[in-house]
Amino acid sequence: MKRVDGLKVAVMVGVPPGASIAYHALRFCETLLPMGGELSQVFFYGEGVYHALAHANPPADELQALPRWQALAQRGVELGVCSAAAERRGVVQACLAEGFVWMGLASWVIVSAAADRRLIFRVP
């Protein structure tokens, strides 16, 4: 693996947990840190807000992403949930799992502007 020491990356996840691209977003984030990169923020937007649900219970044969996102939060990665996108989908702040932070889209704009790279995982 090639080292990416000091590379600051902001990631937006705009797909629900069951989408195959959600797995790629998670694996990218998990792989970046051991390679020396820095995750400035993972921002959950649109259908991606469902990743942050505390009481999600996906089928056993689907990706169990929540504990893996929380492990990233324990390593200091900010997991932001777009408050407007969440509210549009009936998700309230009290529903968020530990490690996720309620915030506005402006937070993503500020963090992504300061990052070296921005990656957006979504369906076109």
PDB file of N, CA and C in Angstrom:
ATOM      1  N   MET A   1       0.828  -1.188   0.000  1.00  0.00           N
ATOM      2  CA  MET A   1       0.000   0.000   0.000  1.00  0.00           C
ATOM      3  C   MET A   1       0.870   1.249   0.000  1.00  0.00           C
ATOM      4  N   LYS A   2       0.485   2.188  -0.776  1.00  0.00           N
ATOM      5  CA  LYS A   2       1.203   3.449  -0.852  1.00  0.00           C
ATOM      6  C   LYS A   2       0.784   4.338   0.320  1.00  0.00           C
ATOM      7  N   ARG A   3       1.724   4.980   0.958  1.00  0.00           N
ATOM      8  CA  ARG A   3       1.442   5.884   2.074  1.00  0.00           C
ATOM      9  C   ARG A   3       0.917   7.212   1.542  1.00  0.00           C
ATOM     10  N   VAL A   4       0.036   7.806   2.301  1.00  0.00           N
ATOM     11  CA  VAL A   4      -0.534   9.105   1.931  1.00  0.00           C
ATOM     12  C   VAL A   4      -0.409  10.056   3.120  1.00  0.00           C
ATOM     13  N   ASP A   5       0.743  10.037   3.754  1.00  0.00           N
ATOM     14  CA  ASP A   5       0.962  10.800   4.979  1.00  0.00           C
ATOM     15  C   ASP A   5       0.492  12.241   4.874  1.00  0.00           C
ATOM     16  N   GLY A   6      -0.374  12.603   5.825  1.00  0.00           N
ATOM     17  CA  GLY A   6      -0.826  13.975   5.944  1.00  0.00           C
ATOM     18  C   GLY A   6      -1.932  14.390   4.987  1.00  0.00           C
ATOM     19  N   LEU A   7      -2.345  13.537   4.086  1.00  0.00           N
ATOM     20  CA  LEU A   7      -3.405  13.882   3.139  1.00  0.00           C
ATOM     21  C   LEU A   7      -4.731  14.005   3.895  1.00  0.00           C
ATOM     22  N   LYS A   8      -5.349  15.185   3.829  1.00  0.00           N
ATOM     23  CA  LYS A   8      -6.625  15.430   4.500  1.00  0.00           C
ATOM     24  C   LYS A   8      -7.763  15.175   3.526  1.00  0.00           C
ATOM     25  N   VAL A   9      -8.669  14.291   3.919  1.00  0.00           N
ATOM     26  CA  VAL A   9      -9.769  13.890   3.052  1.00  0.00           C
ATOM     27  C   VAL A   9     -11.100  14.097   3.772  1.00  0.00           C
ATOM     28  N   ALA A  10     -12.045  14.690   3.081  1.00  0.00           N
ATOM     29  CA  ALA A  10     -13.415  14.823   3.576  1.00  0.00           C
ATOM     30  C   ALA A  10     -14.287  13.902   2.731  1.00  0.00           C
ATOM     31  N   VAL A  11     -15.145  13.138   3.385  1.00  0.00           N
ATOM     32  CA  VAL A  11     -15.971  12.154   2.701  1.00  0.00           C
ATOM     33  C   VAL A  11     -17.443  12.452   2.961  1.00  0.00           C
ATOM     34  N   MET A  12     -18.241  12.421   1.895  1.00  0.00           N
ATOM     35  CA  MET A  12     -19.694  12.532   2.034  1.00  0.00           C
ATOM     36  C   MET A  12     -20.303  11.201   1.604  1.00  0.00           C
ATOM     37  N   VAL A  13     -21.217  10.698   2.428  1.00  0.00           N
ATOM     38  CA  VAL A  13     -21.921   9.455   2.126  1.00  0.00           C
ATOM     39  C   VAL A  13     -23.383   9.812   1.887  1.00  0.00           C
ATOM     40  N   GLY A  14     -23.857   9.592   0.672  1.00  0.00           N
ATOM     41  CA  GLY A  14     -25.218   9.952   0.317  1.00  0.00           C
ATOM     42  C   GLY A  14     -26.072   8.773  -0.095  1.00  0.00           C
ATOM     43  N   VAL A  15     -25.683   7.578   0.335  1.00  0.00           N
ATOM     44  CA  VAL A  15     -26.438   6.370   0.006  1.00  0.00           C
ATOM     45  C   VAL A  15     -26.812   5.642   1.291  1.00  0.00           C
ATOM     46  N   PRO A  16     -27.914   4.876   1.272  1.00  0.00           N
ATOM     47  CA  PRO A  16     -28.326   4.154   2.477  1.00  0.00           C
ATOM     48  C   PRO A  16     -27.382   3.003   2.788  1.00  0.00           C
ATOM     49  N   PRO A  17     -27.435   2.493   4.008  1.00  0.00           N
ATOM     50  CA  PRO A  17     -26.523   1.423   4.418  1.00  0.00           C
ATOM     51  C   PRO A  17     -26.561   0.171   3.548  1.00  0.00           C
ATOM     52  N   GLY A  18     -27.695  -0.159   2.951  1.00  0.00           N
ATOM     53  CA  GLY A  18     -27.789  -1.366   2.141  1.00  0.00           C
ATOM     54  C   GLY A  18     -27.208  -1.247   0.748  1.00  0.00           C
ATOM     55  N   ALA A  19     -26.846  -0.059   0.324  1.00  0.00           N
ATOM     56  CA  ALA A  19     -26.297   0.140  -1.024  1.00  0.00           C
ATOM     57  C   ALA A  19     -24.861  -0.370  -1.096  1.00  0.00           C
ATOM     58  N   SER A  20     -24.507  -0.981  -2.211  1.00  0.00           N
ATOM     59  CA  SER A  20     -23.151  -1.527  -2.336  1.00  0.00           C
ATOM     60  C   SER A  20     -22.085  -0.438  -2.236  1.00  0.00           C
ATOM     61  N   ILE A  21     -22.393   0.754  -2.716  1.00  0.00           N
ATOM     62  CA  ILE A  21     -21.413   1.834  -2.646  1.00  0.00           C
ATOM     63  C   ILE A  21     -21.158   2.270  -1.195  1.00  0.00           C
ATOM     64  N   ALA A  22     -22.103   2.000  -0.302  1.00  0.00           N
ATOM     65  CA  ALA A  22     -21.905   2.315   1.119  1.00  0.00           C
ATOM     66  C   ALA A  22     -20.740   1.501   1.681  1.00  0.00           C
ATOM     67  N   TYR A  23     -20.626   0.266   1.239  1.00  0.00           N
ATOM     68  CA  TYR A  23     -19.510  -0.577   1.664  1.00  0.00           C
ATOM     69  C   TYR A  23     -18.192   0.029   1.198  1.00  0.00           C
ATOM     70  N   HIS A  24     -18.152   0.519  -0.025  1.00  0.00           N
ATOM     71  CA  HIS A  24     -16.919   1.105  -0.553  1.00  0.00           C
ATOM     72  C   HIS A  24     -16.544   2.376   0.215  1.00  0.00           C
ATOM     73  N   ALA A  25     -17.532   3.151   0.586  1.00  0.00           N
ATOM     74  CA  ALA A  25     -17.266   4.357   1.387  1.00  0.00           C
ATOM     75  C   ALA A  25     -16.649   3.980   2.726  1.00  0.00           C
ATOM     76  N   LEU A  26     -17.240   3.003   3.378  1.00  0.00           N
ATOM     77  CA  LEU A  26     -16.736   2.559   4.679  1.00  0.00           C
ATOM     78  C   LEU A  26     -15.320   2.001   4.563  1.00  0.00           C
ATOM     79  N   ARG A  27     -15.092   1.145   3.579  1.00  0.00           N
ATOM     80  CA  ARG A  27     -13.755   0.546   3.402  1.00  0.00           C
ATOM     81  C   ARG A  27     -12.710   1.613   3.072  1.00  0.00           C
ATOM     82  N   PHE A  28     -13.088   2.603   2.265  1.00  0.00           N
ATOM     83  CA  PHE A  28     -12.148   3.678   1.970  1.00  0.00           C
ATOM     84  C   PHE A  28     -11.735   4.373   3.262  1.00  0.00           C
ATOM     85  N   CYS A  29     -12.718   4.719   4.086  1.00  0.00           N
ATOM     86  CA  CYS A  29     -12.440   5.429   5.335  1.00  0.00           C
ATOM     87  C   CYS A  29     -11.583   4.589   6.277  1.00  0.00           C
ATOM     88  N   GLU A  30     -11.883   3.300   6.367  1.00  0.00           N
ATOM     89  CA  GLU A  30     -11.110   2.412   7.238  1.00  0.00           C
ATOM     90  C   GLU A  30      -9.684   2.225   6.736  1.00  0.00           C
ATOM     91  N   THR A  31      -9.484   2.274   5.445  1.00  0.00           N
ATOM     92  CA  THR A  31      -8.170   2.047   4.846  1.00  0.00           C
ATOM     93  C   THR A  31      -7.297   3.295   4.859  1.00  0.00           C
ATOM     94  N   LEU A  32      -7.903   4.461   4.779  1.00  0.00           N
ATOM     95  CA  LEU A  32      -7.141   5.709   4.706  1.00  0.00           C
ATOM     96  C   LEU A  32      -6.286   5.939   5.949  1.00  0.00           C
ATOM     97  N   LEU A  33      -6.830   5.694   7.117  1.00  0.00           N
ATOM     98  CA  LEU A  33      -6.115   5.999   8.360  1.00  0.00           C
ATOM     99  C   LEU A  33      -4.817   5.210   8.526  1.00  0.00           C
ATOM    100  N   PRO A  34      -4.814   3.886   8.321  1.00  0.00           N
ATOM    101  CA  PRO A  34      -3.547   3.161   8.449  1.00  0.00           C
ATOM    102  C   PRO A  34      -2.502   3.541   7.406  1.00  0.00           C
ATOM    103  N   MET A  35      -2.938   4.174   6.305  1.00  0.00           N
ATOM    104  CA  MET A  35      -2.006   4.597   5.259  1.00  0.00           C
ATOM    105  C   MET A  35      -1.418   5.981   5.543  1.00  0.00           C
ATOM    106  N   GLY A  36      -1.785   6.566   6.689  1.00  0.00           N
ATOM    107  CA  GLY A  36      -1.226   7.853   7.067  1.00  0.00           C
ATOM    108  C   GLY A  36      -2.092   9.043   6.712  1.00  0.00           C
ATOM    109  N   GLY A  37      -3.258   8.790   6.115  1.00  0.00           N
ATOM    110  CA  GLY A  37      -4.165   9.878   5.764  1.00  0.00           C
ATOM    111  C   GLY A  37      -4.980  10.338   6.957  1.00  0.00           C
ATOM    112  N   GLU A  38      -5.636  11.458   6.785  1.00  0.00           N
ATOM    113  CA  GLU A  38      -6.474  12.025   7.836  1.00  0.00           C
ATOM    114  C   GLU A  38      -7.885  12.219   7.293  1.00  0.00           C
ATOM    115  N   LEU A  39      -8.866  11.688   8.013  1.00  0.00           N
ATOM    116  CA  LEU A  39     -10.263  11.909   7.650  1.00  0.00           C
ATOM    117  C   LEU A  39     -10.716  13.168   8.365  1.00  0.00           C
ATOM    118  N   SER A  40     -10.874  14.239   7.625  1.00  0.00           N
ATOM    119  CA  SER A  40     -11.315  15.497   8.217  1.00  0.00           C
ATOM    120  C   SER A  40     -12.731  15.368   8.748  1.00  0.00           C
ATOM    121  N   GLN A  41     -13.573  14.653   8.004  1.00  0.00           N
ATOM    122  CA  GLN A  41     -14.967  14.464   8.390  1.00  0.00           C
ATOM    123  C   GLN A  41     -15.598  13.433   7.466  1.00  0.00           C
ATOM    124  N   VAL A  42     -16.539  12.666   8.012  1.00  0.00           N
ATOM    125  CA  VAL A  42     -17.435  11.868   7.191  1.00  0.00           C
ATOM    126  C   VAL A  42     -18.802  12.495   7.410  1.00  0.00           C
ATOM    127  N   PHE A  43     -19.409  12.950   6.315  1.00  0.00           N
ATOM    128  CA  PHE A  43     -20.678  13.666   6.399  1.00  0.00           C
ATOM    129  C   PHE A  43     -21.756  12.831   5.732  1.00  0.00           C
ATOM    130  N   PHE A  44     -22.816  12.550   6.472  1.00  0.00           N
ATOM    131  CA  PHE A  44     -23.913  11.725   5.977  1.00  0.00           C
ATOM    132  C   PHE A  44     -25.040  12.641   5.512  1.00  0.00           C
ATOM    133  N   TYR A  45     -25.359  12.527   4.226  1.00  0.00           N
ATOM    134  CA  TYR A  45     -26.295  13.440   3.574  1.00  0.00           C
ATOM    135  C   TYR A  45     -27.312  12.627   2.783  1.00  0.00           C
ATOM    136  N   GLY A  46     -28.497  13.163   2.587  1.00  0.00           N
ATOM    137  CA  GLY A  46     -29.519  12.452   1.823  1.00  0.00           C
ATOM    138  C   GLY A  46     -29.845  11.131   2.489  1.00  0.00           C
ATOM    139  N   GLU A  47     -29.930  10.080   1.678  1.00  0.00           N
ATOM    140  CA  GLU A  47     -30.244   8.751   2.205  1.00  0.00           C
ATOM    141  C   GLU A  47     -29.141   8.226   3.141  1.00  0.00           C
ATOM    142  N   GLY A  48     -27.993   8.846   3.099  1.00  0.00           N
ATOM    143  CA  GLY A  48     -26.885   8.440   3.966  1.00  0.00           C
ATOM    144  C   GLY A  48     -27.151   8.654   5.445  1.00  0.00           C
ATOM    145  N   VAL A  49     -28.127   9.503   5.773  1.00  0.00           N
ATOM    146  CA  VAL A  49     -28.411   9.760   7.193  1.00  0.00           C
ATOM    147  C   VAL A  49     -28.843   8.493   7.923  1.00  0.00           C
ATOM    148  N   TYR A  50     -29.338   7.500   7.181  1.00  0.00           N
ATOM    149  CA  TYR A  50     -29.779   6.260   7.824  1.00  0.00           C
ATOM    150  C   TYR A  50     -28.628   5.464   8.436  1.00  0.00           C
ATOM    151  N   HIS A  51     -27.400   5.761   8.058  1.00  0.00           N
ATOM    152  CA  HIS A  51     -26.239   5.109   8.677  1.00  0.00           C
ATOM    153  C   HIS A  51     -26.147   5.437  10.160  1.00  0.00           C
ATOM    154  N   ALA A  52     -26.703   6.580  10.552  1.00  0.00           N
ATOM    155  CA  ALA A  52     -26.533   7.084  11.915  1.00  0.00           C
ATOM    156  C   ALA A  52     -27.606   6.622  12.897  1.00  0.00           C
ATOM    157  N   LEU A  53     -28.558   5.829  12.443  1.00  0.00           N
ATOM    158  CA  LEU A  53     -29.647   5.415  13.327  1.00  0.00           C
ATOM    159  C   LEU A  53     -29.174   4.465  14.421  1.00  0.00           C
ATOM    160  N   ALA A  54     -29.487   4.808  15.643  1.00  0.00           N
ATOM    161  CA  ALA A  54     -29.045   4.010  16.791  1.00  0.00           C
ATOM    162  C   ALA A  54     -29.683   2.627  16.819  1.00  0.00           C
ATOM    163  N   HIS A  55     -30.923   2.525  16.393  1.00  0.00           N
ATOM    164  CA  HIS A  55     -31.642   1.255  16.531  1.00  0.00           C
ATOM    165  C   HIS A  55     -31.870   0.554  15.201  1.00  0.00           C
ATOM    166  N   ALA A  56     -30.982   0.807  14.250  1.00  0.00           N
ATOM    167  CA  ALA A  56     -31.076   0.112  12.963  1.00  0.00           C
ATOM    168  C   ALA A  56     -30.767  -1.365  13.191  1.00  0.00           C
ATOM    169  N   ASN A  57     -31.489  -2.208  12.502  1.00  0.00           N
ATOM    170  CA  ASN A  57     -31.303  -3.650  12.658  1.00  0.00           C
ATOM    171  C   ASN A  57     -31.295  -4.315  11.278  1.00  0.00           C
ATOM    172  N   PRO A  58     -30.176  -4.158  10.546  1.00  0.00           N
ATOM    173  CA  PRO A  58     -30.127  -4.742   9.204  1.00  0.00           C
ATOM    174  C   PRO A  58     -30.111  -6.267   9.267  1.00  0.00           C
ATOM    175  N   PRO A  59     -30.577  -6.927   8.210  1.00  0.00           N
ATOM    176  CA  PRO A  59     -30.517  -8.390   8.167  1.00  0.00           C
ATOM    177  C   PRO A  59     -29.080  -8.878   8.359  1.00  0.00           C
ATOM    178  N   ALA A  60     -28.949 -10.063   8.903  1.00  0.00           N
ATOM    179  CA  ALA A  60     -27.625 -10.610   9.217  1.00  0.00           C
ATOM    180  C   ALA A  60     -26.725 -10.739   8.000  1.00  0.00           C
ATOM    181  N   ASP A  61     -27.312 -10.906   6.813  1.00  0.00           N
ATOM    182  CA  ASP A  61     -26.487 -11.077   5.618  1.00  0.00           C
ATOM    183  C   ASP A  61     -26.121  -9.759   4.943  1.00  0.00           C
ATOM    184  N   GLU A  62     -26.495  -8.630   5.555  1.00  0.00           N
ATOM    185  CA  GLU A  62     -26.132  -7.324   5.025  1.00  0.00           C
ATOM    186  C   GLU A  62     -25.014  -6.703   5.861  1.00  0.00           C
ATOM    187  N   LEU A  63     -24.392  -5.695   5.301  1.00  0.00           N
ATOM    188  CA  LEU A  63     -23.293  -4.996   5.953  1.00  0.00           C
ATOM    189  C   LEU A  63     -23.725  -4.462   7.329  1.00  0.00           C
ATOM    190  N   GLN A  64     -22.987  -4.796   8.343  1.00  0.00           N
ATOM    191  CA  GLN A  64     -23.224  -4.296   9.700  1.00  0.00           C
ATOM    192  C   GLN A  64     -22.301  -3.091   9.893  1.00  0.00           C
ATOM    193  N   ALA A  65     -22.694  -1.977   9.317  1.00  0.00           N
ATOM    194  CA  ALA A  65     -21.811  -0.811   9.223  1.00  0.00           C
ATOM    195  C   ALA A  65     -21.748   0.015  10.494  1.00  0.00           C
ATOM    196  N   LEU A  66     -22.816   0.080  11.261  1.00  0.00           N
ATOM    197  CA  LEU A  66     -22.866   0.990  12.407  1.00  0.00           C
ATOM    198  C   LEU A  66     -21.679   0.826  13.354  1.00  0.00           C
ATOM    199  N   PRO A  67     -21.356  -0.371  13.831  1.00  0.00           N
ATOM    200  CA  PRO A  67     -20.209  -0.475  14.749  1.00  0.00           C
ATOM    201  C   PRO A  67     -18.883  -0.084  14.091  1.00  0.00           C
ATOM    202  N   ARG A  68     -18.796  -0.252  12.794  1.00  0.00           N
ATOM    203  CA  ARG A  68     -17.563   0.113  12.096  1.00  0.00           C
ATOM    204  C   ARG A  68     -17.441   1.628  11.960  1.00  0.00           C
ATOM    205  N   TRP A  69     -18.566   2.323  11.699  1.00  0.00           N
ATOM    206  CA  TRP A  69     -18.530   3.789  11.697  1.00  0.00           C
ATOM    207  C   TRP A  69     -18.180   4.285  13.093  1.00  0.00           C
ATOM    208  N   GLN A  70     -18.773   3.678  14.107  1.00  0.00           N
ATOM    209  CA  GLN A  70     -18.502   4.102  15.488  1.00  0.00           C
ATOM    210  C   GLN A  70     -17.037   3.877  15.863  1.00  0.00           C
ATOM    211  N   ALA A  71     -16.438   2.836  15.345  1.00  0.00           N
ATOM    212  CA  ALA A  71     -15.010   2.601  15.596  1.00  0.00           C
ATOM    213  C   ALA A  71     -14.174   3.741  15.016  1.00  0.00           C
ATOM    214  N   LEU A  72     -14.580   4.253  13.861  1.00  0.00           N
ATOM    215  CA  LEU A  72     -13.875   5.404  13.284  1.00  0.00           C
ATOM    216  C   LEU A  72     -14.048   6.632  14.180  1.00  0.00           C
ATOM    217  N   ALA A  73     -15.251   6.824  14.711  1.00  0.00           N
ATOM    218  CA  ALA A  73     -15.495   7.955  15.623  1.00  0.00           C
ATOM    219  C   ALA A  73     -14.616   7.841  16.860  1.00  0.00           C
ATOM    220  N   GLN A  74     -14.426   6.631  17.355  1.00  0.00           N
ATOM    221  CA  GLN A  74     -13.565   6.431  18.528  1.00  0.00           C
ATOM    222  C   GLN A  74     -12.112   6.745  18.217  1.00  0.00           C
ATOM    223  N   ARG A  75     -11.748   6.730  16.955  1.00  0.00           N
ATOM    224  CA  ARG A  75     -10.385   7.076  16.536  1.00  0.00           C
ATOM    225  C   ARG A  75     -10.261   8.571  16.242  1.00  0.00           C
ATOM    226  N   GLY A  76     -11.339   9.329  16.518  1.00  0.00           N
ATOM    227  CA  GLY A  76     -11.278  10.777  16.363  1.00  0.00           C
ATOM    228  C   GLY A  76     -11.887  11.326  15.084  1.00  0.00           C
ATOM    229  N   VAL A  77     -12.497  10.474  14.283  1.00  0.00           N
ATOM    230  CA  VAL A  77     -13.122  10.925  13.039  1.00  0.00           C
ATOM    231  C   VAL A  77     -14.489  11.517  13.362  1.00  0.00           C
ATOM    232  N   GLU A  78     -14.739  12.728  12.856  1.00  0.00           N
ATOM    233  CA  GLU A  78     -16.038  13.362  13.061  1.00  0.00           C
ATOM    234  C   GLU A  78     -17.047  12.774  12.079  1.00  0.00           C
ATOM    235  N   LEU A  79     -18.155  12.246  12.618  1.00  0.00           N
ATOM    236  CA  LEU A  79     -19.231  11.691  11.809  1.00  0.00           C
ATOM    237  C   LEU A  79     -20.399  12.659  11.870  1.00  0.00           C
ATOM    238  N   GLY A  80     -20.540  13.498  10.850  1.00  0.00           N
ATOM    239  CA  GLY A  80     -21.584  14.508  10.823  1.00  0.00           C
ATOM    240  C   GLY A  80     -22.820  14.029  10.096  1.00  0.00           C
ATOM    241  N   VAL A  81     -23.976  14.349  10.650  1.00  0.00           N
ATOM    242  CA  VAL A  81     -25.255  13.996  10.034  1.00  0.00           C
ATOM    243  C   VAL A  81     -25.958  15.286   9.661  1.00  0.00           C
ATOM    244  N   CYS A  82     -26.321  15.426   8.398  1.00  0.00           N
ATOM    245  CA  CYS A  82     -27.003  16.629   7.939  1.00  0.00           C
ATOM    246  C   CYS A  82     -28.374  16.718   8.591  1.00  0.00           C
ATOM    247  N   SER A  83     -28.566  17.755   9.386  1.00  0.00           N
ATOM    248  CA  SER A  83     -29.815  17.898  10.135  1.00  0.00           C
ATOM    249  C   SER A  83     -31.017  18.066   9.209  1.00  0.00           C
ATOM    250  N   ALA A  84     -30.895  18.848   8.151  1.00  0.00           N
ATOM    251  CA  ALA A  84     -32.016  19.068   7.242  1.00  0.00           C
ATOM    252  C   ALA A  84     -32.381  17.791   6.490  1.00  0.00           C
ATOM    253  N   ALA A  85     -31.388  17.072   5.991  1.00  0.00           N
ATOM    254  CA  ALA A  85     -31.647  15.822   5.271  1.00  0.00           C
ATOM    255  C   ALA A  85     -32.277  14.792   6.207  1.00  0.00           C
ATOM    256  N   ALA A  86     -31.819  14.760   7.442  1.00  0.00           N
ATOM    257  CA  ALA A  86     -32.371  13.820   8.414  1.00  0.00           C
ATOM    258  C   ALA A  86     -33.829  14.151   8.728  1.00  0.00           C
ATOM    259  N   GLU A  87     -34.097  15.414   8.997  1.00  0.00           N
ATOM    260  CA  GLU A  87     -35.460  15.809   9.334  1.00  0.00           C
ATOM    261  C   GLU A  87     -36.425  15.537   8.182  1.00  0.00           C
ATOM    262  N   ARG A  88     -35.980  15.715   6.944  1.00  0.00           N
ATOM    263  CA  ARG A  88     -36.823  15.412   5.785  1.00  0.00           C
ATOM    264  C   ARG A  88     -37.202  13.938   5.727  1.00  0.00           C
ATOM    265  N   ARG A  89     -36.400  13.107   6.359  1.00  0.00           N
ATOM    266  CA  ARG A  89     -36.633  11.660   6.341  1.00  0.00           C
ATOM    267  C   ARG A  89     -37.197  11.147   7.667  1.00  0.00           C
ATOM    268  N   GLY A  90     -37.597  12.064   8.526  1.00  0.00           N
ATOM    269  CA  GLY A  90     -38.198  11.671   9.796  1.00  0.00           C
ATOM    270  C   GLY A  90     -37.206  11.244  10.853  1.00  0.00           C
ATOM    271  N   VAL A  91     -35.945  11.524  10.642  1.00  0.00           N
ATOM    272  CA  VAL A  91     -34.900  11.177  11.617  1.00  0.00           C
ATOM    273  C   VAL A  91     -34.662  12.389  12.502  1.00  0.00           C
ATOM    274  N   VAL A  92     -34.802  12.202  13.794  1.00  0.00           N
ATOM    275  CA  VAL A  92     -34.568  13.294  14.733  1.00  0.00           C
ATOM    276  C   VAL A  92     -33.261  13.051  15.474  1.00  0.00           C
ATOM    277  N   GLN A  93     -32.756  14.100  16.072  1.00  0.00           N
ATOM    278  CA  GLN A  93     -31.450  14.030  16.738  1.00  0.00           C
ATOM    279  C   GLN A  93     -31.397  12.938  17.801  1.00  0.00           C
ATOM    280  N   ALA A  94     -32.506  12.702  18.484  1.00  0.00           N
ATOM    281  CA  ALA A  94     -32.542  11.687  19.544  1.00  0.00           C
ATOM    282  C   ALA A  94     -32.343  10.265  18.995  1.00  0.00           C
ATOM    283  N   CYS A  95     -32.494  10.085  17.685  1.00  0.00           N
ATOM    284  CA  CYS A  95     -32.347   8.763  17.061  1.00  0.00           C
ATOM    285  C   CYS A  95     -30.904   8.430  16.705  1.00  0.00           C
ATOM    286  N   LEU A  96     -30.000   9.391  16.832  1.00  0.00           N
ATOM    287  CA  LEU A  96     -28.626   9.165  16.400  1.00  0.00           C
ATOM    288  C   LEU A  96     -27.882   8.214  17.335  1.00  0.00           C
ATOM    289  N   ALA A  97     -27.083   7.371  16.730  1.00  0.00           N
ATOM    290  CA  ALA A  97     -26.228   6.463  17.489  1.00  0.00           C
ATOM    291  C   ALA A  97     -25.056   7.236  18.085  1.00  0.00           C
ATOM    292  N   GLU A  98     -24.458   6.656  19.080  1.00  0.00           N
ATOM    293  CA  GLU A  98     -23.286   7.256  19.710  1.00  0.00           C
ATOM    294  C   GLU A  98     -22.181   7.435  18.667  1.00  0.00           C
ATOM    295  N   GLY A  99     -21.520   8.588  18.708  1.00  0.00           N
ATOM    296  CA  GLY A  99     -20.431   8.872  17.784  1.00  0.00           C
ATOM    297  C   GLY A  99     -20.829   9.769  16.627  1.00  0.00           C
ATOM    298  N   PHE A 100     -22.127   9.918  16.386  1.00  0.00           N
ATOM    299  CA  PHE A 100     -22.609  10.755  15.294  1.00  0.00           C
ATOM    300  C   PHE A 100     -23.006  12.121  15.833  1.00  0.00           C
ATOM    301  N   VAL A 101     -22.763  13.166  15.029  1.00  0.00           N
ATOM    302  CA  VAL A 101     -23.004  14.544  15.444  1.00  0.00           C
ATOM    303  C   VAL A 101     -23.999  15.192  14.481  1.00  0.00           C
ATOM    304  N   TRP A 102     -24.998  15.848  15.031  1.00  0.00           N
ATOM    305  CA  TRP A 102     -26.024  16.582  14.284  1.00  0.00           C
ATOM    306  C   TRP A 102     -25.422  17.891  13.821  1.00  0.00           C
ATOM    307  N   MET A 103     -25.444  18.192  12.531  1.00  0.00           N
ATOM    308  CA  MET A 103     -24.870  19.448  12.049  1.00  0.00           C
ATOM    309  C   MET A 103     -25.504  19.869  10.736  1.00  0.00           C
ATOM    310  N   GLY A 104     -25.233  21.077  10.342  1.00  0.00           N
ATOM    311  CA  GLY A 104     -25.751  21.611   9.096  1.00  0.00           C
ATOM    312  C   GLY A 104     -24.802  21.365   7.939  1.00  0.00           C
ATOM    313  N   LEU A 105     -25.321  21.565   6.749  1.00  0.00           N
ATOM    314  CA  LEU A 105     -24.545  21.387   5.526  1.00  0.00           C
ATOM    315  C   LEU A 105     -23.357  22.347   5.471  1.00  0.00           C
ATOM    316  N   ALA A 106     -23.473  23.493   6.103  1.00  0.00           N
ATOM    317  CA  ALA A 106     -22.367  24.457   6.119  1.00  0.00           C
ATOM    318  C   ALA A 106     -21.111  23.857   6.736  1.00  0.00           C
ATOM    319  N   SER A 107     -21.267  22.958   7.695  1.00  0.00           N
ATOM    320  CA  SER A 107     -20.097  22.295   8.305  1.00  0.00           C
ATOM    321  C   SER A 107     -19.330  21.501   7.257  1.00  0.00           C
ATOM    322  N   TRP A 108     -20.068  20.785   6.414  1.00  0.00           N
ATOM    323  CA  TRP A 108     -19.424  20.025   5.325  1.00  0.00           C
ATOM    324  C   TRP A 108     -18.688  20.957   4.381  1.00  0.00           C
ATOM    325  N   VAL A 109     -19.299  22.063   4.024  1.00  0.00           N
ATOM    326  CA  VAL A 109     -18.692  23.010   3.101  1.00  0.00           C
ATOM    327  C   VAL A 109     -17.373  23.532   3.665  1.00  0.00           C
ATOM    328  N   ILE A 110     -17.367  23.911   4.929  1.00  0.00           N
ATOM    329  CA  ILE A 110     -16.160  24.446   5.565  1.00  0.00           C
ATOM    330  C   ILE A 110     -15.065  23.388   5.638  1.00  0.00           C
ATOM    331  N   VAL A 111     -15.413  22.193   6.110  1.00  0.00           N
ATOM    332  CA  VAL A 111     -14.414  21.130   6.253  1.00  0.00           C
ATOM    333  C   VAL A 111     -13.898  20.674   4.889  1.00  0.00           C
ATOM    334  N   SER A 112     -14.791  20.511   3.931  1.00  0.00           N
ATOM    335  CA  SER A 112     -14.349  20.029   2.619  1.00  0.00           C
ATOM    336  C   SER A 112     -13.494  21.071   1.882  1.00  0.00           C
ATOM    337  N   ALA A 113     -13.765  22.345   2.129  1.00  0.00           N
ATOM    338  CA  ALA A 113     -12.952  23.396   1.505  1.00  0.00           C
ATOM    339  C   ALA A 113     -11.520  23.376   2.040  1.00  0.00           C
ATOM    340  N   ALA A 114     -11.356  22.974   3.289  1.00  0.00           N
ATOM    341  CA  ALA A 114     -10.030  22.933   3.899  1.00  0.00           C
ATOM    342  C   ALA A 114      -9.298  21.616   3.629  1.00  0.00           C
ATOM    343  N   ALA A 115     -10.003  20.617   3.104  1.00  0.00           N
ATOM    344  CA  ALA A 115      -9.400  19.304   2.849  1.00  0.00           C
ATOM    345  C   ALA A 115      -8.593  19.311   1.556  1.00  0.00           C
ATOM    346  N   ASP A 116      -7.646  18.390   1.455  1.00  0.00           N
ATOM    347  CA  ASP A 116      -6.875  18.220   0.223  1.00  0.00           C
ATOM    348  C   ASP A 116      -7.709  17.525  -0.860  1.00  0.00           C
ATOM    349  N   ARG A 117      -8.566  16.614  -0.416  1.00  0.00           N
ATOM    350  CA  ARG A 117      -9.422  15.861  -1.338  1.00  0.00           C
ATOM    351  C   ARG A 117     -10.826  15.737  -0.736  1.00  0.00           C
ATOM    352  N   ARG A 118     -11.812  15.693  -1.634  1.00  0.00           N
ATOM    353  CA  ARG A 118     -13.212  15.474  -1.241  1.00  0.00           C
ATOM    354  C   ARG A 118     -13.730  14.290  -2.045  1.00  0.00           C
ATOM    355  N   LEU A 119     -14.325  13.337  -1.352  1.00  0.00           N
ATOM    356  CA  LEU A 119     -14.930  12.195  -2.035  1.00  0.00           C
ATOM    357  C   LEU A 119     -16.402  12.155  -1.669  1.00  0.00           C
ATOM    358  N   ILE A 120     -17.236  11.967  -2.681  1.00  0.00           N
ATOM    359  CA  ILE A 120     -18.671  11.877  -2.463  1.00  0.00           C
ATOM    360  C   ILE A 120     -19.141  10.528  -2.981  1.00  0.00           C
ATOM    361  N   PHE A 121     -19.677   9.730  -2.079  1.00  0.00           N
ATOM    362  CA  PHE A 121     -20.209   8.424  -2.425  1.00  0.00           C
ATOM    363  C   PHE A 121     -21.721   8.546  -2.531  1.00  0.00           C
ATOM    364  N   ARG A 122     -22.216   8.484  -3.761  1.00  0.00           N
ATOM    365  CA  ARG A 122     -23.653   8.587  -3.999  1.00  0.00           C
ATOM    366  C   ARG A 122     -23.987   7.913  -5.322  1.00  0.00           C
ATOM    367  N   VAL A 123     -25.268   7.736  -5.536  1.00  0.00           N
ATOM    368  CA  VAL A 123     -25.722   7.168  -6.802  1.00  0.00           C
ATOM    369  C   VAL A 123     -26.067   8.340  -7.721  1.00  0.00           C
ATOM    370  N   PRO A 124     -25.568   8.338  -8.960  1.00  0.00           N
ATOM    371  CA  PRO A 124     -25.832   9.454  -9.864  1.00  0.00           C
ATOM    372  C   PRO A 124     -27.316   9.640 -10.152  1.00  0.00           C
TER     373      PRO A 124
END
